[in-house]
C-alpha cells in the first residue's frame, strides 16, 4: 500500500539497530541502510524529547549535501527518561545492573524522536510511552544481563525480551516505540507526504 505510494522515493534508514531495520521490513517498505559514526553528545540543559530531537537531527545533519532529490533519510534516537535523567545505552555490566535496579518498582518514559530529511527540509516527530516495572530481584536482573546482554539498548532492556515479559506491569502508549520506533507515526508521516 504505502510501498506503491513511495515508489518514486528512495528511503534511507540511518540506523544500525536490528529492531529498527526489522520494523521497516515489517512495514513492507523498501529501504537502504546508510550508516555514519556520530558522537551522541547533547547539551546538558536539554530535557526529555529535547534530547532525542537534538540527537535525531544531529544524525541527519551528518548527511547534509549528500542526498539526491528523491531520497528521504530517516534517523532516530531513543532514550529512557527516569527521575529527570536520560538513560541511554549502558556503558558496561555494572552500569546496566544499576540502570535496571533504578527502573525496578517504578515508572519511566521511553522517548523516541524520528527525523525525516530530504535535501530541502528536515522534519521531526517524537513519541513518549510510559512503562511501569514490577520490583525486580537482583537475581532476575543478573539472569537477564547474563542471558540477553542488552548493552545496545537504551535503559539496558528490551521490552520484547524476557525482562519485558516478567517485569513490565503496565504500558501507556506505543509498544513499538519502546522497541525504538513509533511505527504508527512513522507510517502516518510517510503516508501523508
N, C-alpha and C. Protein backbone atom coordinates (compact mmCIF):
# COMPACT_ATOMS: atom_id res chain seq x y z
N UNK A 1 0.83 -1.19 0.00
CA UNK A 1 0.00 0.00 0.00
C UNK A 1 0.88 1.26 0.00
N UNK A 2 1.62 1.45 1.12
CA UNK A 2 2.50 2.62 1.21
C UNK A 2 3.67 2.48 0.25
N UNK A 3 4.14 1.25 0.05
CA UNK A 3 5.25 1.00 -0.85
C UNK A 3 4.96 1.57 -2.25
N UNK A 4 3.73 1.35 -2.70
CA UNK A 4 3.30 1.84 -4.01
C UNK A 4 3.31 3.38 -4.05
N UNK A 5 2.85 3.98 -2.95
CA UNK A 5 2.79 5.44 -2.85
C UNK A 5 4.19 6.07 -2.87
N UNK A 6 5.17 5.33 -2.33
CA UNK A 6 6.54 5.84 -2.21
C UNK A 6 7.45 5.38 -3.34
N UNK A 7 6.87 4.83 -4.40
CA UNK A 7 7.71 4.21 -5.44
C UNK A 7 8.67 5.20 -6.12
N UNK A 8 8.36 6.50 -6.07
CA UNK A 8 9.26 7.49 -6.67
C UNK A 8 10.30 8.03 -5.69
N UNK A 9 10.24 7.54 -4.46
CA UNK A 9 11.20 7.95 -3.43
C UNK A 9 12.13 6.78 -3.09
N UNK A 10 13.27 7.14 -2.52
CA UNK A 10 14.16 6.12 -2.00
C UNK A 10 14.32 6.39 -0.51
N UNK A 11 13.89 5.43 0.31
CA UNK A 11 14.02 5.58 1.76
C UNK A 11 15.40 5.11 2.20
N UNK A 12 16.03 5.93 3.03
CA UNK A 12 17.34 5.57 3.58
C UNK A 12 17.21 5.56 5.10
N UNK A 13 17.45 4.42 5.68
CA UNK A 13 17.41 4.29 7.14
C UNK A 13 18.84 4.37 7.66
N UNK A 14 19.11 5.41 8.44
CA UNK A 14 20.46 5.59 9.00
C UNK A 14 20.46 5.03 10.42
N UNK A 15 20.33 3.71 10.52
CA UNK A 15 20.31 3.06 11.83
C UNK A 15 20.91 1.66 11.74
N UNK A 16 21.79 1.37 12.67
CA UNK A 16 22.38 0.03 12.76
C UNK A 16 21.54 -0.88 13.63
N UNK A 17 20.45 -0.36 14.19
CA UNK A 17 19.61 -1.15 15.09
C UNK A 17 18.86 -2.24 14.33
N UNK A 18 19.07 -3.51 14.70
CA UNK A 18 18.34 -4.59 14.03
C UNK A 18 16.83 -4.47 14.21
N UNK A 19 16.40 -3.91 15.35
CA UNK A 19 14.96 -3.76 15.61
C UNK A 19 14.35 -2.72 14.66
N UNK A 20 15.03 -1.60 14.49
CA UNK A 20 14.51 -0.58 13.57
C UNK A 20 14.48 -1.09 12.14
N UNK A 21 15.52 -1.80 11.75
CA UNK A 21 15.56 -2.37 10.40
C UNK A 21 14.41 -3.36 10.20
N UNK A 22 14.14 -4.16 11.23
CA UNK A 22 13.04 -5.13 11.15
C UNK A 22 11.69 -4.43 11.04
N UNK A 23 11.51 -3.33 11.78
CA UNK A 23 10.26 -2.57 11.68
C UNK A 23 10.00 -2.14 10.24
N UNK A 24 11.04 -1.65 9.56
CA UNK A 24 10.86 -1.19 8.19
C UNK A 24 10.52 -2.35 7.26
N UNK A 25 11.13 -3.50 7.51
CA UNK A 25 10.78 -4.70 6.74
C UNK A 25 9.33 -5.09 7.01
N UNK A 26 8.94 -5.06 8.30
CA UNK A 26 7.58 -5.45 8.69
C UNK A 26 6.52 -4.46 8.19
N UNK A 27 6.92 -3.20 7.98
CA UNK A 27 6.01 -2.21 7.40
C UNK A 27 5.92 -2.35 5.88
N UNK A 28 6.66 -3.34 5.35
CA UNK A 28 6.66 -3.65 3.92
C UNK A 28 7.17 -2.46 3.10
N UNK A 29 8.27 -1.86 3.58
CA UNK A 29 8.87 -0.72 2.89
C UNK A 29 10.23 -1.12 2.30
N UNK A 30 10.50 -0.65 1.09
CA UNK A 30 11.83 -0.84 0.51
C UNK A 30 12.72 0.26 1.06
N UNK A 31 13.90 -0.11 1.53
CA UNK A 31 14.81 0.88 2.09
C UNK A 31 16.25 0.41 1.96
N UNK A 32 17.12 1.40 2.09
CA UNK A 32 18.56 1.13 2.05
C UNK A 32 19.11 1.57 3.41
N UNK A 33 20.16 0.92 3.86
CA UNK A 33 20.78 1.32 5.13
C UNK A 33 22.07 2.08 4.82
N UNK A 34 22.20 3.26 5.40
CA UNK A 34 23.44 4.04 5.31
C UNK A 34 23.81 4.46 6.71
N UNK A 35 25.02 4.16 7.10
CA UNK A 35 25.45 4.44 8.48
C UNK A 35 26.61 5.43 8.51
N UNK A 36 26.59 6.27 9.53
CA UNK A 36 27.72 7.16 9.82
C UNK A 36 27.97 7.12 11.32
N UNK A 37 29.23 7.18 11.68
CA UNK A 37 29.59 7.24 13.10
C UNK A 37 29.30 8.64 13.62
N UNK A 38 28.44 8.74 14.61
CA UNK A 38 28.09 10.03 15.19
C UNK A 38 28.36 9.97 16.70
N UNK A 39 29.03 10.99 17.21
CA UNK A 39 29.22 11.07 18.65
C UNK A 39 27.94 11.65 19.25
N UNK A 40 27.24 10.82 20.03
CA UNK A 40 25.92 11.22 20.54
C UNK A 40 26.05 12.02 21.83
N UNK A 41 26.49 13.26 21.66
CA UNK A 41 26.65 14.17 22.80
C UNK A 41 25.64 15.30 22.64
N UNK A 42 24.95 15.61 23.73
CA UNK A 42 23.94 16.68 23.67
C UNK A 42 24.20 17.69 24.79
N UNK A 43 23.75 18.94 24.59
CA UNK A 43 23.93 19.96 25.64
C UNK A 43 23.24 19.52 26.94
N UNK A 44 23.89 19.68 28.08
CA UNK A 44 23.39 19.18 29.35
C UNK A 44 22.06 19.79 29.82
N UNK A 45 21.72 20.98 29.28
CA UNK A 45 20.48 21.62 29.74
C UNK A 45 19.23 21.01 29.08
N UNK A 46 19.41 20.18 28.04
CA UNK A 46 18.26 19.60 27.35
C UNK A 46 17.56 18.55 28.22
N UNK A 47 16.24 18.47 28.06
CA UNK A 47 15.43 17.53 28.84
C UNK A 47 14.54 16.71 27.92
N UNK A 48 14.30 15.46 28.32
CA UNK A 48 13.31 14.57 27.69
C UNK A 48 13.41 14.59 26.16
N UNK A 49 12.28 14.92 25.47
CA UNK A 49 12.28 14.86 24.00
C UNK A 49 13.20 15.90 23.36
N UNK A 50 13.62 16.92 24.11
CA UNK A 50 14.61 17.86 23.56
C UNK A 50 15.90 17.11 23.22
N UNK A 51 16.23 16.12 24.04
CA UNK A 51 17.45 15.32 23.83
C UNK A 51 17.32 14.46 22.58
N UNK A 52 16.23 13.71 22.48
CA UNK A 52 16.08 12.81 21.33
C UNK A 52 15.89 13.60 20.03
N UNK A 53 15.18 14.74 20.11
CA UNK A 53 15.03 15.60 18.93
C UNK A 53 16.41 16.09 18.45
N UNK A 54 17.21 16.54 19.41
CA UNK A 54 18.55 17.06 19.10
C UNK A 54 19.41 15.98 18.45
N UNK A 55 19.39 14.77 19.04
CA UNK A 55 20.24 13.68 18.53
C UNK A 55 19.76 13.14 17.18
N UNK A 56 18.45 13.05 16.99
CA UNK A 56 17.94 12.58 15.69
C UNK A 56 18.33 13.58 14.59
N UNK A 57 18.24 14.87 14.92
CA UNK A 57 18.62 15.92 13.97
C UNK A 57 20.14 15.92 13.72
N UNK A 58 20.92 15.72 14.77
CA UNK A 58 22.38 15.64 14.67
C UNK A 58 22.78 14.51 13.72
N UNK A 59 22.12 13.36 13.86
CA UNK A 59 22.42 12.21 13.00
C UNK A 59 22.07 12.53 11.54
N UNK A 60 20.99 13.27 11.33
CA UNK A 60 20.57 13.64 9.97
C UNK A 60 21.54 14.66 9.35
N UNK A 61 22.03 15.58 10.16
CA UNK A 61 22.93 16.63 9.65
C UNK A 61 24.23 16.05 9.09
N UNK A 62 24.60 14.87 9.54
CA UNK A 62 25.82 14.21 9.05
C UNK A 62 25.72 13.89 7.56
N UNK A 63 24.50 13.87 7.03
CA UNK A 63 24.28 13.55 5.61
C UNK A 63 24.02 14.81 4.77
N UNK A 64 24.22 15.97 5.37
CA UNK A 64 23.99 17.26 4.69
C UNK A 64 24.73 17.30 3.35
N UNK A 65 24.01 17.66 2.28
CA UNK A 65 24.62 17.80 0.97
C UNK A 65 24.85 16.49 0.22
N UNK A 66 24.44 15.37 0.81
CA UNK A 66 24.69 14.06 0.19
C UNK A 66 23.44 13.42 -0.41
N UNK A 67 22.27 13.97 -0.11
CA UNK A 67 21.03 13.32 -0.54
C UNK A 67 20.62 13.74 -1.95
N UNK A 68 20.11 12.77 -2.70
CA UNK A 68 19.56 13.06 -4.03
C UNK A 68 18.14 13.59 -3.86
N UNK A 69 17.60 14.18 -4.92
CA UNK A 69 16.27 14.79 -4.85
C UNK A 69 15.16 13.85 -4.40
N UNK A 70 15.27 12.58 -4.75
CA UNK A 70 14.18 11.64 -4.43
C UNK A 70 14.44 10.83 -3.16
N UNK A 71 15.49 11.18 -2.42
CA UNK A 71 15.84 10.40 -1.22
C UNK A 71 15.27 11.01 0.06
N UNK A 72 14.77 10.13 0.92
CA UNK A 72 14.29 10.54 2.25
C UNK A 72 15.13 9.78 3.27
N UNK A 73 15.90 10.53 4.02
CA UNK A 73 16.73 9.95 5.07
C UNK A 73 15.93 9.90 6.36
N UNK A 74 16.02 8.78 7.07
CA UNK A 74 15.31 8.63 8.34
C UNK A 74 16.32 8.30 9.44
N UNK A 75 16.40 9.19 10.43
CA UNK A 75 17.27 8.95 11.59
C UNK A 75 16.40 8.96 12.84
N UNK A 76 16.90 8.36 13.89
CA UNK A 76 16.10 8.36 15.12
C UNK A 76 17.00 8.19 16.34
N UNK A 77 16.41 8.49 17.48
CA UNK A 77 17.12 8.31 18.75
C UNK A 77 16.10 8.00 19.83
N UNK A 78 16.48 7.10 20.72
CA UNK A 78 15.61 6.69 21.83
C UNK A 78 16.35 6.83 23.15
N UNK A 79 15.67 7.39 24.13
CA UNK A 79 16.21 7.39 25.50
C UNK A 79 15.13 6.91 26.47
N UNK A 80 15.60 6.50 27.62
CA UNK A 80 14.71 6.26 28.75
C UNK A 80 14.85 7.48 29.64
N UNK A 81 13.72 8.10 29.97
CA UNK A 81 13.72 9.30 30.82
C UNK A 81 13.16 8.89 32.18
N UNK A 82 14.02 8.99 33.20
CA UNK A 82 13.63 8.49 34.53
C UNK A 82 14.20 9.40 35.61
N UNK A 83 13.33 9.86 36.49
CA UNK A 83 13.74 10.74 37.60
C UNK A 83 14.54 11.93 37.07
N UNK A 84 13.99 12.57 36.01
CA UNK A 84 14.59 13.76 35.43
C UNK A 84 16.00 13.53 34.87
N UNK A 85 16.24 12.31 34.41
CA UNK A 85 17.57 11.96 33.91
C UNK A 85 17.44 11.06 32.68
N UNK A 86 18.31 11.29 31.69
CA UNK A 86 18.30 10.48 30.46
C UNK A 86 19.17 9.25 30.65
N UNK A 87 18.57 8.10 30.39
CA UNK A 87 19.32 6.84 30.44
C UNK A 87 19.48 6.33 29.02
N UNK A 88 20.72 6.32 28.55
CA UNK A 88 20.99 5.80 27.21
C UNK A 88 21.39 4.34 27.29
N UNK A 89 22.31 3.95 26.41
CA UNK A 89 22.81 2.57 26.42
C UNK A 89 23.80 2.43 27.58
N UNK A 90 23.78 1.29 28.26
CA UNK A 90 24.71 1.12 29.39
C UNK A 90 26.16 1.03 28.93
N UNK A 91 27.07 1.53 29.77
CA UNK A 91 28.49 1.51 29.45
C UNK A 91 29.07 0.11 29.59
N UNK A 92 28.57 -0.62 30.61
CA UNK A 92 29.10 -1.96 30.88
C UNK A 92 28.10 -2.72 31.75
N UNK A 93 28.52 -3.90 32.21
CA UNK A 93 27.64 -4.77 33.00
C UNK A 93 27.15 -4.07 34.28
N UNK A 94 28.08 -3.43 34.99
CA UNK A 94 27.74 -2.77 36.25
C UNK A 94 26.74 -1.63 36.04
N UNK A 95 26.96 -0.86 34.97
CA UNK A 95 26.08 0.25 34.63
C UNK A 95 24.68 -0.29 34.29
N UNK A 96 24.63 -1.37 33.51
CA UNK A 96 23.35 -1.99 33.13
C UNK A 96 22.60 -2.46 34.37
N UNK A 97 23.33 -3.05 35.31
CA UNK A 97 22.71 -3.52 36.56
C UNK A 97 22.10 -2.34 37.32
N UNK A 98 22.87 -1.25 37.45
CA UNK A 98 22.40 -0.08 38.19
C UNK A 98 21.17 0.56 37.53
N UNK A 99 21.19 0.61 36.19
CA UNK A 99 20.05 1.17 35.46
C UNK A 99 18.80 0.36 35.75
N UNK A 100 18.89 -0.97 35.60
CA UNK A 100 17.70 -1.82 35.82
C UNK A 100 17.25 -1.77 37.28
N UNK A 101 18.20 -1.66 38.20
CA UNK A 101 17.86 -1.53 39.62
C UNK A 101 17.05 -0.24 39.84
N UNK A 102 17.44 0.84 39.15
CA UNK A 102 16.74 2.13 39.31
C UNK A 102 15.35 2.09 38.69
N UNK A 103 15.17 1.28 37.63
CA UNK A 103 13.86 1.18 36.97
C UNK A 103 12.90 0.26 37.72
N UNK A 104 13.46 -0.60 38.56
CA UNK A 104 12.66 -1.56 39.32
C UNK A 104 11.62 -0.86 40.19
N UNK A 105 10.39 -1.40 40.15
CA UNK A 105 9.31 -0.90 41.00
C UNK A 105 9.01 0.58 40.79
N UNK A 106 9.10 1.03 39.54
CA UNK A 106 8.79 2.44 39.25
C UNK A 106 8.35 2.58 37.79
N UNK A 107 7.98 3.80 37.44
CA UNK A 107 7.53 4.10 36.07
C UNK A 107 8.52 5.06 35.42
N UNK A 108 8.84 4.79 34.17
CA UNK A 108 9.72 5.68 33.41
C UNK A 108 9.08 5.95 32.05
N UNK A 109 9.69 6.86 31.31
CA UNK A 109 9.22 7.17 29.96
C UNK A 109 10.26 6.74 28.94
N UNK A 110 9.78 6.17 27.85
CA UNK A 110 10.65 5.88 26.72
C UNK A 110 10.29 6.89 25.63
N UNK A 111 11.28 7.65 25.19
CA UNK A 111 11.06 8.71 24.21
C UNK A 111 11.88 8.42 22.96
N UNK A 112 11.21 8.42 21.83
CA UNK A 112 11.90 8.25 20.55
C UNK A 112 11.55 9.43 19.65
N UNK A 113 12.59 10.00 19.05
CA UNK A 113 12.40 11.03 18.03
C UNK A 113 12.86 10.47 16.70
N UNK A 114 12.14 10.85 15.64
CA UNK A 114 12.48 10.42 14.29
C UNK A 114 12.59 11.67 13.42
N UNK A 115 13.68 11.76 12.66
CA UNK A 115 13.88 12.87 11.74
C UNK A 115 13.77 12.36 10.31
N UNK A 116 12.98 13.07 9.51
CA UNK A 116 12.83 12.77 8.08
C UNK A 116 13.53 13.91 7.34
N UNK A 117 14.62 13.59 6.65
CA UNK A 117 15.41 14.63 5.99
C UNK A 117 15.44 14.41 4.48
N UNK A 118 15.18 15.47 3.74
CA UNK A 118 15.39 15.47 2.30
C UNK A 118 16.45 16.53 2.03
N UNK A 119 16.81 16.75 0.76
CA UNK A 119 17.81 17.80 0.51
C UNK A 119 17.22 19.20 0.68
N UNK A 120 15.89 19.28 0.90
CA UNK A 120 15.24 20.58 1.09
C UNK A 120 14.80 20.87 2.52
N UNK A 121 14.50 19.82 3.28
CA UNK A 121 13.94 20.07 4.63
C UNK A 121 14.25 18.94 5.61
N UNK A 122 14.04 19.24 6.88
CA UNK A 122 14.12 18.24 7.95
C UNK A 122 12.88 18.40 8.81
N UNK A 123 12.20 17.29 9.07
CA UNK A 123 11.02 17.31 9.93
C UNK A 123 11.17 16.29 11.04
N UNK A 124 10.72 16.68 12.23
CA UNK A 124 10.84 15.81 13.41
C UNK A 124 9.48 15.40 13.93
N UNK A 125 9.40 14.15 14.39
CA UNK A 125 8.26 13.70 15.18
C UNK A 125 8.83 13.00 16.41
N UNK A 126 8.05 12.91 17.48
CA UNK A 126 8.51 12.13 18.64
C UNK A 126 7.30 11.49 19.32
N UNK A 127 7.60 10.47 20.09
CA UNK A 127 6.58 9.72 20.82
C UNK A 127 7.10 9.42 22.21
N UNK A 128 6.21 9.50 23.19
CA UNK A 128 6.55 9.15 24.57
C UNK A 128 5.63 8.04 25.05
N UNK A 129 6.23 7.00 25.62
CA UNK A 129 5.47 5.87 26.17
C UNK A 129 5.87 5.68 27.63
N UNK A 130 4.87 5.52 28.50
CA UNK A 130 5.16 5.26 29.92
C UNK A 130 5.21 3.76 30.17
N UNK A 131 6.26 3.32 30.85
CA UNK A 131 6.45 1.90 31.15
C UNK A 131 6.65 1.74 32.66
N UNK A 132 5.85 0.86 33.26
CA UNK A 132 5.98 0.57 34.70
C UNK A 132 6.56 -0.82 34.89
N UNK A 133 7.55 -0.90 35.77
CA UNK A 133 8.16 -2.17 36.12
C UNK A 133 7.71 -2.63 37.50
N UNK A 134 7.52 -3.94 37.65
CA UNK A 134 7.38 -4.55 38.97
C UNK A 134 8.73 -4.44 39.67
N UNK A 135 8.76 -4.85 40.94
CA UNK A 135 10.04 -4.95 41.64
C UNK A 135 10.85 -6.08 41.00
N UNK A 136 12.09 -5.77 40.63
CA UNK A 136 12.97 -6.78 40.03
C UNK A 136 14.00 -7.21 41.05
N UNK A 137 14.13 -8.51 41.27
CA UNK A 137 15.15 -9.01 42.20
C UNK A 137 16.52 -8.90 41.55
N UNK A 138 17.56 -8.84 42.39
CA UNK A 138 18.93 -8.82 41.87
C UNK A 138 19.18 -10.05 41.00
N UNK A 139 18.62 -11.19 41.42
CA UNK A 139 18.81 -12.45 40.67
C UNK A 139 18.20 -12.33 39.27
N UNK A 140 17.01 -11.75 39.20
CA UNK A 140 16.34 -11.59 37.90
C UNK A 140 17.15 -10.66 36.99
N UNK A 141 17.64 -9.56 37.55
CA UNK A 141 18.44 -8.61 36.76
C UNK A 141 19.72 -9.30 36.25
N UNK A 142 20.40 -10.01 37.13
CA UNK A 142 21.65 -10.69 36.75
C UNK A 142 21.39 -11.77 35.70
N UNK A 143 20.29 -12.51 35.86
CA UNK A 143 19.92 -13.53 34.88
C UNK A 143 19.70 -12.89 33.51
N UNK A 144 18.98 -11.80 33.51
CA UNK A 144 18.68 -11.10 32.26
C UNK A 144 19.96 -10.60 31.59
N UNK A 145 20.82 -9.94 32.37
CA UNK A 145 22.06 -9.39 31.81
C UNK A 145 22.95 -10.50 31.25
N UNK A 146 23.02 -11.61 31.98
CA UNK A 146 23.85 -12.74 31.58
C UNK A 146 23.35 -13.40 30.29
N UNK A 147 22.04 -13.54 30.18
CA UNK A 147 21.46 -14.30 29.07
C UNK A 147 21.05 -13.46 27.86
N UNK A 148 20.82 -12.16 28.06
CA UNK A 148 20.31 -11.33 26.96
C UNK A 148 21.24 -10.18 26.56
N UNK A 149 22.21 -9.87 27.43
CA UNK A 149 23.24 -8.86 27.14
C UNK A 149 22.68 -7.61 26.42
N UNK A 150 21.84 -6.84 27.11
CA UNK A 150 21.15 -5.71 26.47
C UNK A 150 21.98 -4.42 26.42
N UNK A 151 23.24 -4.55 26.06
CA UNK A 151 24.13 -3.39 26.13
C UNK A 151 23.96 -2.41 24.97
N UNK A 152 23.17 -2.81 23.96
CA UNK A 152 22.93 -1.92 22.83
C UNK A 152 21.57 -1.24 22.92
N UNK A 153 20.95 -1.32 24.11
CA UNK A 153 19.59 -0.81 24.26
C UNK A 153 19.53 0.31 25.30
N UNK A 154 18.80 1.38 24.95
CA UNK A 154 18.57 2.47 25.90
C UNK A 154 17.85 1.92 27.12
N UNK A 155 18.31 2.30 28.30
CA UNK A 155 17.68 1.82 29.53
C UNK A 155 18.06 0.38 29.89
N UNK A 156 18.97 -0.21 29.13
CA UNK A 156 19.51 -1.55 29.40
C UNK A 156 18.46 -2.67 29.36
N UNK A 157 17.40 -2.47 28.56
CA UNK A 157 16.44 -3.57 28.42
C UNK A 157 15.71 -3.52 27.10
N UNK A 158 15.24 -4.67 26.68
CA UNK A 158 14.37 -4.77 25.52
C UNK A 158 13.02 -5.29 26.00
N UNK A 159 11.96 -4.52 25.79
CA UNK A 159 10.63 -4.90 26.29
C UNK A 159 10.16 -6.21 25.66
N UNK A 160 10.67 -6.52 24.46
CA UNK A 160 10.26 -7.72 23.74
C UNK A 160 11.01 -8.96 24.23
N UNK A 161 11.91 -8.79 25.21
CA UNK A 161 12.69 -9.90 25.73
C UNK A 161 12.15 -10.37 27.09
N UNK A 162 12.81 -11.34 27.67
CA UNK A 162 12.41 -11.98 28.92
C UNK A 162 12.04 -10.98 30.01
N UNK A 163 12.87 -9.95 30.18
CA UNK A 163 12.63 -8.96 31.25
C UNK A 163 11.30 -8.24 31.05
N UNK A 164 10.93 -8.01 29.80
CA UNK A 164 9.65 -7.37 29.50
C UNK A 164 8.48 -8.25 29.88
N UNK A 165 8.64 -9.55 29.66
CA UNK A 165 7.56 -10.50 29.98
C UNK A 165 7.35 -10.65 31.48
N UNK A 166 8.46 -10.65 32.23
CA UNK A 166 8.33 -10.88 33.68
C UNK A 166 8.31 -9.60 34.50
N UNK A 167 8.81 -8.49 33.90
CA UNK A 167 8.99 -7.28 34.71
C UNK A 167 8.02 -6.15 34.46
N UNK A 168 7.51 -6.05 33.23
CA UNK A 168 6.66 -4.90 32.90
C UNK A 168 5.23 -5.14 33.37
N UNK A 169 4.74 -4.25 34.24
CA UNK A 169 3.39 -4.40 34.78
C UNK A 169 2.36 -3.57 34.01
N UNK A 170 2.84 -2.49 33.35
CA UNK A 170 1.89 -1.59 32.69
C UNK A 170 2.61 -0.79 31.62
N UNK A 171 1.90 -0.53 30.52
CA UNK A 171 2.45 0.30 29.47
C UNK A 171 1.35 1.24 28.99
N UNK A 172 1.70 2.52 28.87
CA UNK A 172 0.75 3.52 28.37
C UNK A 172 1.35 4.16 27.13
N UNK A 173 0.79 3.82 25.96
CA UNK A 173 1.30 4.37 24.72
C UNK A 173 1.76 3.27 23.77
N UNK A 174 2.61 3.65 22.84
CA UNK A 174 3.05 2.76 21.77
C UNK A 174 4.07 1.73 22.25
N UNK A 175 3.73 0.46 22.06
CA UNK A 175 4.66 -0.64 22.40
C UNK A 175 5.87 -0.59 21.47
N UNK A 176 5.63 -0.39 20.16
CA UNK A 176 6.73 -0.34 19.19
C UNK A 176 7.72 0.77 19.54
N UNK A 177 7.20 1.87 20.08
CA UNK A 177 8.06 2.98 20.48
C UNK A 177 9.08 2.55 21.53
N UNK A 178 8.67 1.69 22.43
CA UNK A 178 9.58 1.21 23.48
C UNK A 178 10.71 0.38 22.85
N UNK A 179 10.41 -0.24 21.71
CA UNK A 179 11.44 -1.00 20.98
C UNK A 179 12.29 -0.10 20.09
N UNK A 180 11.94 1.20 20.01
CA UNK A 180 12.82 2.13 19.31
C UNK A 180 12.26 2.80 18.07
N UNK A 181 10.95 2.63 17.79
CA UNK A 181 10.39 3.29 16.62
C UNK A 181 8.88 3.40 16.76
N UNK A 182 8.34 4.63 16.82
CA UNK A 182 6.88 4.79 16.86
C UNK A 182 6.30 4.52 15.47
N UNK A 183 6.16 3.24 15.15
CA UNK A 183 5.84 2.82 13.78
C UNK A 183 4.57 3.45 13.23
N UNK A 184 3.55 3.61 14.08
CA UNK A 184 2.29 4.19 13.59
C UNK A 184 2.51 5.64 13.12
N UNK A 185 3.29 6.41 13.87
CA UNK A 185 3.56 7.81 13.49
C UNK A 185 4.46 7.90 12.26
N UNK A 186 5.42 6.98 12.17
CA UNK A 186 6.32 6.96 11.01
C UNK A 186 5.52 6.64 9.75
N UNK A 187 4.68 5.64 9.84
CA UNK A 187 3.84 5.23 8.71
C UNK A 187 2.92 6.38 8.29
N UNK A 188 2.32 7.00 9.28
CA UNK A 188 1.40 8.12 9.03
C UNK A 188 2.13 9.28 8.34
N UNK A 189 3.31 9.60 8.83
CA UNK A 189 4.09 10.70 8.24
C UNK A 189 4.40 10.39 6.77
N UNK A 190 4.90 9.18 6.50
CA UNK A 190 5.27 8.82 5.13
C UNK A 190 4.02 8.75 4.22
N UNK A 191 2.93 8.33 4.80
CA UNK A 191 1.68 8.20 4.05
C UNK A 191 1.14 9.56 3.63
N UNK A 192 1.50 10.60 4.40
CA UNK A 192 0.99 11.96 4.13
C UNK A 192 1.95 12.84 3.35
N UNK A 193 3.00 12.24 2.82
CA UNK A 193 3.98 13.02 2.02
C UNK A 193 3.32 13.59 0.78
